[in-house]
Amino acid sequence: MERSLLQRVEAFLKEAQMPPTVFGRASVRDPRLVSDLRGGREPGRRMIGRVEHFMNMWRETHRGAAPRRERGAR
């Protein structure tokens, strides 16, 4: 069974250590995207395509990069 867009986005946020508002703004110019998806928003095919494209491009750009450290971690 294919995972929902929200499940894929949640996994990406964890992988990228990216705040939801930054993700929404960067992917579809909507800082409330993730909050709205969590609240039941049903995205259209075009939006799904834009979100998937952003995640794929981010992964391609960051492949092999050192993992980001959490703020305050030493």
N, C-alpha and C. Protein backbone atom coordinates (compact mmCIF):
# COMPACT_ATOMS: atom_id res chain seq x y z
N MET A 1 0.85 -1.18 0.00
CA MET A 1 0.00 0.00 0.00
C MET A 1 0.89 1.24 0.00
N GLU A 2 0.57 2.19 -0.83
CA GLU A 2 1.36 3.41 -0.94
C GLU A 2 1.09 4.32 0.27
N ARG A 3 2.18 4.91 0.76
CA ARG A 3 2.03 5.83 1.88
C ARG A 3 1.38 7.13 1.40
N SER A 4 0.66 7.78 2.28
CA SER A 4 0.02 9.04 1.93
C SER A 4 1.07 10.14 1.81
N LEU A 5 0.68 11.23 1.17
CA LEU A 5 1.60 12.36 1.05
C LEU A 5 2.04 12.82 2.43
N LEU A 6 1.11 12.90 3.37
CA LEU A 6 1.47 13.34 4.71
C LEU A 6 2.51 12.42 5.34
N GLN A 7 2.36 11.12 5.19
CA GLN A 7 3.34 10.19 5.74
C GLN A 7 4.71 10.40 5.10
N ARG A 8 4.73 10.62 3.79
CA ARG A 8 6.01 10.85 3.11
C ARG A 8 6.64 12.17 3.55
N VAL A 9 5.81 13.19 3.72
CA VAL A 9 6.32 14.49 4.17
C VAL A 9 6.85 14.38 5.59
N GLU A 10 6.13 13.71 6.47
CA GLU A 10 6.58 13.56 7.86
C GLU A 10 7.93 12.84 7.90
N ALA A 11 8.09 11.80 7.11
CA ALA A 11 9.37 11.08 7.06
C ALA A 11 10.47 12.00 6.53
N PHE A 12 10.15 12.80 5.52
CA PHE A 12 11.14 13.73 4.96
C PHE A 12 11.55 14.77 5.99
N LEU A 13 10.60 15.32 6.73
CA LEU A 13 10.92 16.33 7.74
C LEU A 13 11.91 15.78 8.76
N LYS A 14 11.69 14.54 9.16
CA LYS A 14 12.59 13.91 10.11
C LYS A 14 13.97 13.70 9.48
N GLU A 15 13.98 13.19 8.26
CA GLU A 15 15.23 12.93 7.54
C GLU A 15 16.03 14.22 7.33
N ALA A 16 15.36 15.27 6.92
CA ALA A 16 16.02 16.53 6.59
C ALA A 16 16.22 17.43 7.80
N GLN A 17 15.61 17.07 8.92
CA GLN A 17 15.63 17.90 10.12
C GLN A 17 15.18 19.32 9.76
N MET A 18 14.06 19.38 9.05
CA MET A 18 13.55 20.64 8.54
C MET A 18 12.23 20.98 9.24
N PRO A 19 12.08 22.21 9.71
CA PRO A 19 10.81 22.61 10.30
C PRO A 19 9.68 22.58 9.27
N PRO A 20 8.47 22.25 9.70
CA PRO A 20 7.34 22.16 8.77
C PRO A 20 7.08 23.45 7.98
N THR A 21 7.21 24.60 8.63
CA THR A 21 6.94 25.85 7.92
C THR A 21 7.98 26.12 6.84
N VAL A 22 9.22 25.78 7.11
CA VAL A 22 10.29 25.95 6.11
C VAL A 22 10.01 25.04 4.92
N PHE A 23 9.61 23.81 5.21
CA PHE A 23 9.30 22.86 4.14
C PHE A 23 8.16 23.38 3.26
N GLY A 24 7.08 23.80 3.89
CA GLY A 24 5.94 24.29 3.12
C GLY A 24 6.28 25.49 2.26
N ARG A 25 7.02 26.42 2.83
CA ARG A 25 7.39 27.62 2.08
C ARG A 25 8.31 27.26 0.92
N ALA A 26 9.27 26.36 1.15
CA ALA A 26 10.23 26.00 0.11
C ALA A 26 9.60 25.15 -0.99
N SER A 27 8.66 24.30 -0.63
CA SER A 27 8.11 23.37 -1.62
C SER A 27 6.96 23.96 -2.43
N VAL A 28 6.05 24.65 -1.78
CA VAL A 28 4.87 25.17 -2.49
C VAL A 28 4.51 26.61 -2.10
N ARG A 29 5.43 27.29 -1.45
CA ARG A 29 5.24 28.69 -1.04
C ARG A 29 4.05 28.85 -0.10
N ASP A 30 3.86 27.86 0.77
CA ASP A 30 2.76 27.88 1.74
C ASP A 30 3.28 27.37 3.08
N PRO A 31 3.61 28.29 4.00
CA PRO A 31 4.16 27.84 5.29
C PRO A 31 3.19 27.01 6.12
N ARG A 32 1.91 27.03 5.79
CA ARG A 32 0.92 26.25 6.55
C ARG A 32 0.63 24.88 5.93
N LEU A 33 1.34 24.53 4.89
CA LEU A 33 1.07 23.27 4.17
C LEU A 33 1.02 22.07 5.11
N VAL A 34 2.07 21.85 5.88
CA VAL A 34 2.13 20.64 6.71
C VAL A 34 1.03 20.68 7.77
N SER A 35 0.83 21.83 8.38
CA SER A 35 -0.24 21.97 9.36
C SER A 35 -1.60 21.64 8.74
N ASP A 36 -1.82 22.15 7.54
CA ASP A 36 -3.09 21.88 6.86
C ASP A 36 -3.22 20.40 6.48
N LEU A 37 -2.14 19.78 6.02
CA LEU A 37 -2.19 18.35 5.71
C LEU A 37 -2.51 17.54 6.96
N ARG A 38 -1.89 17.93 8.07
CA ARG A 38 -2.17 17.24 9.34
C ARG A 38 -3.63 17.41 9.75
N GLY A 39 -4.22 18.52 9.35
CA GLY A 39 -5.62 18.80 9.67
C GLY A 39 -6.61 18.23 8.67
N GLY A 40 -6.12 17.50 7.66
CA GLY A 40 -7.01 16.83 6.73
C GLY A 40 -7.07 17.42 5.34
N ARG A 41 -6.26 18.43 5.04
CA ARG A 41 -6.26 19.03 3.69
C ARG A 41 -5.94 17.97 2.65
N GLU A 42 -6.69 17.96 1.57
CA GLU A 42 -6.49 17.02 0.47
C GLU A 42 -5.83 17.76 -0.69
N PRO A 43 -4.54 17.54 -0.92
CA PRO A 43 -3.86 18.25 -2.00
C PRO A 43 -4.22 17.68 -3.37
N GLY A 44 -4.16 18.54 -4.37
CA GLY A 44 -4.41 18.10 -5.75
C GLY A 44 -3.16 17.47 -6.34
N ARG A 45 -3.31 16.93 -7.54
CA ARG A 45 -2.18 16.27 -8.21
C ARG A 45 -1.02 17.22 -8.44
N ARG A 46 -1.33 18.45 -8.82
CA ARG A 46 -0.27 19.43 -9.09
C ARG A 46 0.55 19.71 -7.84
N MET A 47 -0.13 19.90 -6.71
CA MET A 47 0.59 20.17 -5.47
C MET A 47 1.40 18.95 -5.05
N ILE A 48 0.84 17.77 -5.18
CA ILE A 48 1.58 16.55 -4.84
C ILE A 48 2.84 16.48 -5.68
N GLY A 49 2.73 16.78 -6.95
CA GLY A 49 3.90 16.78 -7.83
C GLY A 49 4.96 17.77 -7.40
N ARG A 50 4.54 18.96 -7.01
CA ARG A 50 5.49 19.98 -6.56
C ARG A 50 6.20 19.56 -5.28
N VAL A 51 5.44 18.98 -4.35
CA VAL A 51 6.02 18.53 -3.08
C VAL A 51 7.00 17.39 -3.33
N GLU A 52 6.60 16.42 -4.13
CA GLU A 52 7.48 15.29 -4.44
C GLU A 52 8.75 15.76 -5.15
N HIS A 53 8.60 16.70 -6.08
CA HIS A 53 9.76 17.24 -6.80
C HIS A 53 10.72 17.91 -5.82
N PHE A 54 10.19 18.71 -4.91
CA PHE A 54 11.05 19.38 -3.92
C PHE A 54 11.82 18.36 -3.09
N MET A 55 11.13 17.34 -2.59
CA MET A 55 11.80 16.34 -1.75
C MET A 55 12.88 15.60 -2.55
N ASN A 56 12.57 15.24 -3.78
CA ASN A 56 13.55 14.54 -4.62
C ASN A 56 14.77 15.41 -4.90
N MET A 57 14.54 16.69 -5.22
CA MET A 57 15.66 17.59 -5.51
C MET A 57 16.50 17.84 -4.26
N TRP A 58 15.84 17.97 -3.11
CA TRP A 58 16.58 18.18 -1.86
C TRP A 58 17.47 16.98 -1.59
N ARG A 59 16.91 15.79 -1.74
CA ARG A 59 17.70 14.57 -1.49
C ARG A 59 18.87 14.47 -2.46
N GLU A 60 18.64 14.81 -3.71
CA GLU A 60 19.71 14.77 -4.70
C GLU A 60 20.82 15.75 -4.33
N THR A 61 20.45 16.93 -3.90
CA THR A 61 21.42 17.97 -3.53
C THR A 61 22.18 17.61 -2.27
N HIS A 62 21.52 16.95 -1.33
CA HIS A 62 22.13 16.66 -0.03
C HIS A 62 22.66 15.24 0.11
N ARG A 63 22.64 14.47 -0.96
CA ARG A 63 23.13 13.09 -0.91
C ARG A 63 24.61 13.10 -0.54
N GLY A 64 24.98 12.33 0.45
CA GLY A 64 26.38 12.22 0.85
C GLY A 64 26.85 13.35 1.74
N ALA A 65 25.99 14.33 2.00
CA ALA A 65 26.39 15.43 2.88
C ALA A 65 26.40 14.94 4.32
N ALA A 66 27.23 15.57 5.13
CA ALA A 66 27.30 15.22 6.55
C ALA A 66 25.95 15.52 7.19
N PRO A 67 25.49 14.66 8.10
CA PRO A 67 24.21 14.91 8.77
C PRO A 67 24.27 16.20 9.58
N ARG A 68 23.15 16.91 9.62
CA ARG A 68 23.09 18.16 10.38
C ARG A 68 23.01 17.85 11.86
N ARG A 69 23.67 18.69 12.65
CA ARG A 69 23.62 18.53 14.10
C ARG A 69 22.45 19.32 14.65
N GLU A 70 21.90 18.84 15.74
CA GLU A 70 20.83 19.55 16.42
C GLU A 70 21.42 20.77 17.09
N ARG A 71 20.64 21.83 17.20
CA ARG A 71 21.11 23.02 17.89
C ARG A 71 21.40 22.69 19.34
N GLY A 72 22.52 23.19 19.81
CA GLY A 72 22.90 22.97 21.20
C GLY A 72 23.60 21.64 21.44
N ALA A 73 23.64 20.77 20.44
CA ALA A 73 24.32 19.47 20.60
C ALA A 73 25.82 19.66 20.47
N ARG A 74 26.55 18.94 21.26
CA ARG A 74 28.02 19.03 21.22
C ARG A 74 28.61 17.67 21.03
